[in-house]
Amino acid sequence: MVYQRSQDVIARREGDKALAFHQQTGWICILNPSSRFIWDCLESAMSAEAITDRIRTEFTIPPEADGEVLLTTVKAHLDLMCKAQLIETVDGPLLPRDLSEKAVPDHAKASTSLCA
Protein backbone atom coordinates (compact mmCIF):
# COMPACT_ATOMS: atom_id res chain seq x y z
CA MET A 1 0.00 0.00 0.00
CA VAL A 2 1.26 3.47 -0.87
CA TYR A 3 0.54 6.48 1.34
CA GLN A 4 0.47 10.22 0.73
CA ARG A 5 -0.25 13.34 2.73
CA SER A 6 -3.85 14.52 2.76
CA GLN A 7 -4.29 17.68 0.71
CA ASP A 8 -6.51 18.97 3.52
CA VAL A 9 -3.60 19.07 6.01
CA ILE A 10 -0.98 21.72 6.49
CA ALA A 11 1.92 21.16 8.85
CA ARG A 12 4.61 23.24 10.49
CA ARG A 13 7.79 22.02 12.15
CA GLU A 14 8.27 22.81 15.82
CA GLY A 15 11.70 21.55 16.85
CA ASP A 16 11.74 17.76 16.50
CA LYS A 17 7.92 17.70 16.37
CA ALA A 18 5.34 19.15 13.98
CA LEU A 19 1.89 20.71 14.22
CA ALA A 20 -0.57 19.28 11.71
CA PHE A 21 -3.82 21.14 11.03
CA HIS A 22 -6.66 19.49 9.12
CA GLN A 23 -8.40 22.32 7.28
CA GLN A 24 -11.73 20.50 6.86
CA THR A 25 -12.16 19.15 10.39
CA GLY A 26 -10.31 21.83 12.33
CA TRP A 27 -8.34 19.15 14.18
CA ILE A 28 -4.81 19.95 15.28
CA CYS A 29 -2.35 17.20 16.10
CA ILE A 30 1.16 17.44 17.46
CA LEU A 31 3.27 14.86 15.66
CA ASN A 32 5.91 13.25 17.84
CA PRO A 33 9.42 12.88 16.34
CA SER A 34 8.66 9.44 14.87
CA SER A 35 5.44 10.55 13.20
CA ARG A 36 7.09 13.76 12.05
CA PHE A 37 9.84 11.75 10.34
CA ILE A 38 7.16 9.68 8.58
CA TRP A 39 5.31 12.88 7.62
CA ASP A 40 8.54 14.24 6.13
CA CYS A 41 9.03 11.01 4.17
CA LEU A 42 5.56 11.44 2.68
CA GLU A 43 6.53 14.61 0.84
CA SER A 44 6.01 12.25 -2.07
CA ALA A 45 3.89 9.08 -2.00
CA MET A 46 5.69 6.17 -0.37
CA SER A 47 5.05 2.64 0.91
CA ALA A 48 5.61 1.49 4.49
CA GLU A 49 8.52 -0.62 3.25
CA ALA A 50 10.16 2.39 1.58
CA ILE A 51 9.75 4.45 4.77
CA THR A 52 11.29 1.60 6.76
CA ASP A 53 14.26 1.53 4.36
CA ARG A 54 14.68 5.28 4.74
CA ILE A 55 14.68 4.96 8.54
CA ARG A 56 17.34 2.25 8.31
CA THR A 57 19.50 4.54 6.16
CA GLU A 58 18.89 7.76 8.10
CA PHE A 59 19.54 6.24 11.50
CA THR A 60 22.12 3.63 10.40
CA ILE A 61 20.24 0.69 11.85
CA PRO A 62 22.35 -2.44 11.50
CA PRO A 63 21.14 -5.08 9.02
CA GLU A 64 20.89 -7.70 11.76
CA ALA A 65 18.24 -5.62 13.61
CA ASP A 66 14.74 -7.07 13.38
CA GLY A 67 13.24 -5.48 10.29
CA GLU A 68 9.76 -6.87 10.99
CA VAL A 69 9.55 -4.98 14.28
CA LEU A 70 10.53 -1.74 12.55
CA LEU A 71 8.08 -2.31 9.68
CA THR A 72 5.27 -3.13 12.14
CA THR A 73 6.00 0.09 14.05
CA VAL A 74 5.97 2.15 10.84
CA LYS A 75 2.67 0.57 9.80
CA ALA A 76 1.17 1.36 13.23
CA HIS A 77 2.13 5.03 12.85
CA LEU A 78 0.72 5.09 9.31
CA ASP A 79 -2.53 3.54 10.54
CA LEU A 80 -2.95 6.17 13.25
CA MET A 81 -2.12 8.96 10.81
CA CYS A 82 -4.74 7.60 8.38
CA LYS A 83 -7.37 7.39 11.11
CA ALA A 84 -6.60 10.99 12.07
CA GLN A 85 -7.02 11.84 8.35
CA LEU A 86 -3.53 13.33 8.13
CA ILE A 87 -2.56 10.92 5.36
CA GLU A 88 -4.38 8.61 2.98
CA THR A 89 -3.67 5.77 0.65
CA VAL A 90 -3.00 6.69 -2.95
CA ASP A 91 -6.32 5.04 -3.79
CA GLY A 92 -8.15 7.40 -1.41
CA PRO A 93 -8.91 8.04 2.24
CA LEU A 94 -9.28 5.11 4.61
CA LEU A 95 -12.00 6.86 6.62
CA PRO A 96 -15.20 8.50 5.42
CA ARG A 97 -15.14 12.30 5.36
CA ASP A 98 -18.12 12.37 7.75
CA LEU A 99 -16.71 13.16 11.19
CA SER A 100 -19.68 11.93 13.19
CA GLU A 101 -19.00 9.91 16.33
CA LYS A 102 -19.45 6.67 14.35
CA ALA A 103 -16.93 7.68 11.68
CA VAL A 104 -13.90 8.32 13.89
CA PRO A 105 -12.70 5.65 16.33
CA ASP A 106 -11.85 6.79 19.87
CA HIS A 107 -8.15 6.01 19.48
CA ALA A 108 -7.98 8.28 16.42
CA LYS A 109 -9.46 11.16 18.40
CA ALA A 110 -6.88 10.94 21.15
CA SER A 111 -4.00 9.65 19.04
CA THR A 112 -1.77 9.36 22.08
CA SER A 113 0.70 7.17 20.20
CA LEU A 114 0.82 9.70 17.40
CA CYS A 115 0.83 12.88 19.39
CA ALA A 116 3.41 13.98 21.90
C-alpha atoms as a PDB file:
ATOM      1  CA  MET A   1       0.000   0.000   0.000  1.00  0.00           C
ATOM      2  CA  VAL A   2       1.265   3.473  -0.869  1.00  0.00           C
ATOM      3  CA  TYR A   3       0.545   6.484   1.339  1.00  0.00           C
ATOM      4  CA  GLN A   4       0.475  10.218   0.728  1.00  0.00           C
ATOM      5  CA  ARG A   5      -0.251  13.344   2.733  1.00  0.00           C
ATOM      6  CA  SER A   6      -3.846  14.519   2.763  1.00  0.00           C
ATOM      7  CA  GLN A   7      -4.291  17.677   0.709  1.00  0.00           C
ATOM      8  CA  ASP A   8      -6.507  18.967   3.519  1.00  0.00           C
ATOM      9  CA  VAL A   9      -3.605  19.066   6.008  1.00  0.00           C
ATOM     10  CA  ILE A  10      -0.983  21.722   6.488  1.00  0.00           C
ATOM     11  CA  ALA A  11       1.918  21.160   8.850  1.00  0.00           C
ATOM     12  CA  ARG A  12       4.613  23.235  10.485  1.00  0.00           C
ATOM     13  CA  ARG A  13       7.788  22.023  12.153  1.00  0.00           C
ATOM     14  CA  GLU A  14       8.266  22.813  15.817  1.00  0.00           C
ATOM     15  CA  GLY A  15      11.696  21.547  16.854  1.00  0.00           C
ATOM     16  CA  ASP A  16      11.741  17.763  16.496  1.00  0.00           C
ATOM     17  CA  LYS A  17       7.920  17.698  16.365  1.00  0.00           C
ATOM     18  CA  ALA A  18       5.339  19.149  13.983  1.00  0.00           C
ATOM     19  CA  LEU A  19       1.895  20.712  14.220  1.00  0.00           C
ATOM     20  CA  ALA A  20      -0.566  19.282  11.708  1.00  0.00           C
ATOM     21  CA  PHE A  21      -3.820  21.144  11.034  1.00  0.00           C
ATOM     22  CA  HIS A  22      -6.656  19.486   9.117  1.00  0.00           C
ATOM     23  CA  GLN A  23      -8.401  22.318   7.279  1.00  0.00           C
ATOM     24  CA  GLN A  24     -11.734  20.505   6.857  1.00  0.00           C
ATOM     25  CA  THR A  25     -12.159  19.149  10.389  1.00  0.00           C
ATOM     26  CA  GLY A  26     -10.306  21.833  12.329  1.00  0.00           C
ATOM     27  CA  TRP A  27      -8.344  19.150  14.179  1.00  0.00           C
ATOM     28  CA  ILE A  28      -4.810  19.952  15.280  1.00  0.00           C
ATOM     29  CA  CYS A  29      -2.348  17.201  16.103  1.00  0.00           C
ATOM     30  CA  ILE A  30       1.162  17.443  17.459  1.00  0.00           C
ATOM     31  CA  LEU A  31       3.270  14.861  15.660  1.00  0.00           C
ATOM     32  CA  ASN A  32       5.909  13.252  17.840  1.00  0.00           C
ATOM     33  CA  PRO A  33       9.418  12.880  16.343  1.00  0.00           C
ATOM     34  CA  SER A  34       8.660   9.440  14.867  1.00  0.00           C
ATOM     35  CA  SER A  35       5.443  10.549  13.203  1.00  0.00           C
ATOM     36  CA  ARG A  36       7.085  13.765  12.053  1.00  0.00           C
ATOM     37  CA  PHE A  37       9.840  11.754  10.338  1.00  0.00           C
ATOM     38  CA  ILE A  38       7.160   9.680   8.584  1.00  0.00           C
ATOM     39  CA  TRP A  39       5.309  12.879   7.620  1.00  0.00           C
ATOM     40  CA  ASP A  40       8.538  14.241   6.128  1.00  0.00           C
ATOM     41  CA  CYS A  41       9.025  11.007   4.173  1.00  0.00           C
ATOM     42  CA  LEU A  42       5.565  11.437   2.682  1.00  0.00           C
ATOM     43  CA  GLU A  43       6.531  14.612   0.844  1.00  0.00           C
ATOM     44  CA  SER A  44       6.014  12.253  -2.071  1.00  0.00           C
ATOM     45  CA  ALA A  45       3.891   9.081  -2.002  1.00  0.00           C
ATOM     46  CA  MET A  46       5.686   6.166  -0.373  1.00  0.00           C
ATOM     47  CA  SER A  47       5.054   2.642   0.914  1.00  0.00           C
ATOM     48  CA  ALA A  48       5.610   1.489   4.491  1.00  0.00           C
ATOM     49  CA  GLU A  49       8.520  -0.624   3.247  1.00  0.00           C
ATOM     50  CA  ALA A  50      10.163   2.393   1.579  1.00  0.00           C
ATOM     51  CA  ILE A  51       9.745   4.452   4.766  1.00  0.00           C
ATOM     52  CA  THR A  52      11.293   1.600   6.757  1.00  0.00           C
ATOM     53  CA  ASP A  53      14.260   1.525   4.357  1.00  0.00           C
ATOM     54  CA  ARG A  54      14.682   5.278   4.736  1.00  0.00           C
ATOM     55  CA  ILE A  55      14.681   4.958   8.538  1.00  0.00           C
ATOM     56  CA  ARG A  56      17.344   2.249   8.310  1.00  0.00           C
ATOM     57  CA  THR A  57      19.499   4.539   6.162  1.00  0.00           C
ATOM     58  CA  GLU A  58      18.892   7.762   8.099  1.00  0.00           C
ATOM     59  CA  PHE A  59      19.542   6.243  11.502  1.00  0.00           C
ATOM     60  CA  THR A  60      22.119   3.631  10.399  1.00  0.00           C
ATOM     61  CA  ILE A  61      20.235   0.693  11.850  1.00  0.00           C
ATOM     62  CA  PRO A  62      22.354  -2.439  11.505  1.00  0.00           C
ATOM     63  CA  PRO A  63      21.140  -5.076   9.024  1.00  0.00           C
ATOM     64  CA  GLU A  64      20.888  -7.700  11.764  1.00  0.00           C
ATOM     65  CA  ALA A  65      18.245  -5.616  13.606  1.00  0.00           C
ATOM     66  CA  ASP A  66      14.736  -7.070  13.381  1.00  0.00           C
ATOM     67  CA  GLY A  67      13.238  -5.477  10.287  1.00  0.00           C
ATOM     68  CA  GLU A  68       9.762  -6.867  10.986  1.00  0.00           C
ATOM     69  CA  VAL A  69       9.546  -4.985  14.279  1.00  0.00           C
ATOM     70  CA  LEU A  70      10.527  -1.739  12.548  1.00  0.00           C
ATOM     71  CA  LEU A  71       8.079  -2.313   9.680  1.00  0.00           C
ATOM     72  CA  THR A  72       5.270  -3.128  12.141  1.00  0.00           C
ATOM     73  CA  THR A  73       6.002   0.092  14.045  1.00  0.00           C
ATOM     74  CA  VAL A  74       5.967   2.154  10.843  1.00  0.00           C
ATOM     75  CA  LYS A  75       2.665   0.567   9.801  1.00  0.00           C
ATOM     76  CA  ALA A  76       1.168   1.359  13.229  1.00  0.00           C
ATOM     77  CA  HIS A  77       2.133   5.035  12.849  1.00  0.00           C
ATOM     78  CA  LEU A  78       0.723   5.095   9.309  1.00  0.00           C
ATOM     79  CA  ASP A  79      -2.528   3.541  10.537  1.00  0.00           C
ATOM     80  CA  LEU A  80      -2.948   6.173  13.251  1.00  0.00           C
ATOM     81  CA  MET A  81      -2.117   8.964  10.815  1.00  0.00           C
ATOM     82  CA  CYS A  82      -4.738   7.600   8.380  1.00  0.00           C
ATOM     83  CA  LYS A  83      -7.365   7.390  11.105  1.00  0.00           C
ATOM     84  CA  ALA A  84      -6.598  10.993  12.067  1.00  0.00           C
ATOM     85  CA  GLN A  85      -7.025  11.837   8.351  1.00  0.00           C
ATOM     86  CA  LEU A  86      -3.533  13.328   8.133  1.00  0.00           C
ATOM     87  CA  ILE A  87      -2.562  10.924   5.360  1.00  0.00           C
ATOM     88  CA  GLU A  88      -4.380   8.610   2.976  1.00  0.00           C
ATOM     89  CA  THR A  89      -3.668   5.769   0.648  1.00  0.00           C
ATOM     90  CA  VAL A  90      -3.002   6.693  -2.950  1.00  0.00           C
ATOM     91  CA  ASP A  91      -6.325   5.042  -3.795  1.00  0.00           C
ATOM     92  CA  GLY A  92      -8.153   7.402  -1.415  1.00  0.00           C
ATOM     93  CA  PRO A  93      -8.911   8.044   2.237  1.00  0.00           C
ATOM     94  CA  LEU A  94      -9.276   5.109   4.607  1.00  0.00           C
ATOM     95  CA  LEU A  95     -12.002   6.858   6.624  1.00  0.00           C
ATOM     96  CA  PRO A  96     -15.197   8.498   5.422  1.00  0.00           C
ATOM     97  CA  ARG A  97     -15.143  12.301   5.362  1.00  0.00           C
ATOM     98  CA  ASP A  98     -18.123  12.368   7.751  1.00  0.00           C
ATOM     99  CA  LEU A  99     -16.706  13.162  11.192  1.00  0.00           C
ATOM    100  CA  SER A 100     -19.675  11.930  13.191  1.00  0.00           C
ATOM    101  CA  GLU A 101     -19.001   9.910  16.328  1.00  0.00           C
ATOM    102  CA  LYS A 102     -19.449   6.673  14.347  1.00  0.00           C
ATOM    103  CA  ALA A 103     -16.929   7.682  11.679  1.00  0.00           C
ATOM    104  CA  VAL A 104     -13.904   8.315  13.889  1.00  0.00           C
ATOM    105  CA  PRO A 105     -12.697   5.653  16.332  1.00  0.00           C
ATOM    106  CA  ASP A 106     -11.852   6.791  19.873  1.00  0.00           C
ATOM    107  CA  HIS A 107      -8.149   6.011  19.480  1.00  0.00           C
ATOM    108  CA  ALA A 108      -7.978   8.277  16.416  1.00  0.00           C
ATOM    109  CA  LYS A 109      -9.465  11.160  18.399  1.00  0.00           C
ATOM    110  CA  ALA A 110      -6.883  10.942  21.151  1.00  0.00           C
ATOM    111  CA  SER A 111      -3.997   9.653  19.041  1.00  0.00           C
ATOM    112  CA  THR A 112      -1.771   9.359  22.080  1.00  0.00           C
ATOM    113  CA  SER A 113       0.701   7.168  20.198  1.00  0.00           C
ATOM    114  CA  LEU A 114       0.819   9.699  17.399  1.00  0.00           C
ATOM    115  CA  CYS A 115       0.831  12.882  19.391  1.00  0.00           C
ATOM    116  CA  ALA A 116       3.413  13.983  21.896  1.00  0.00           C
END
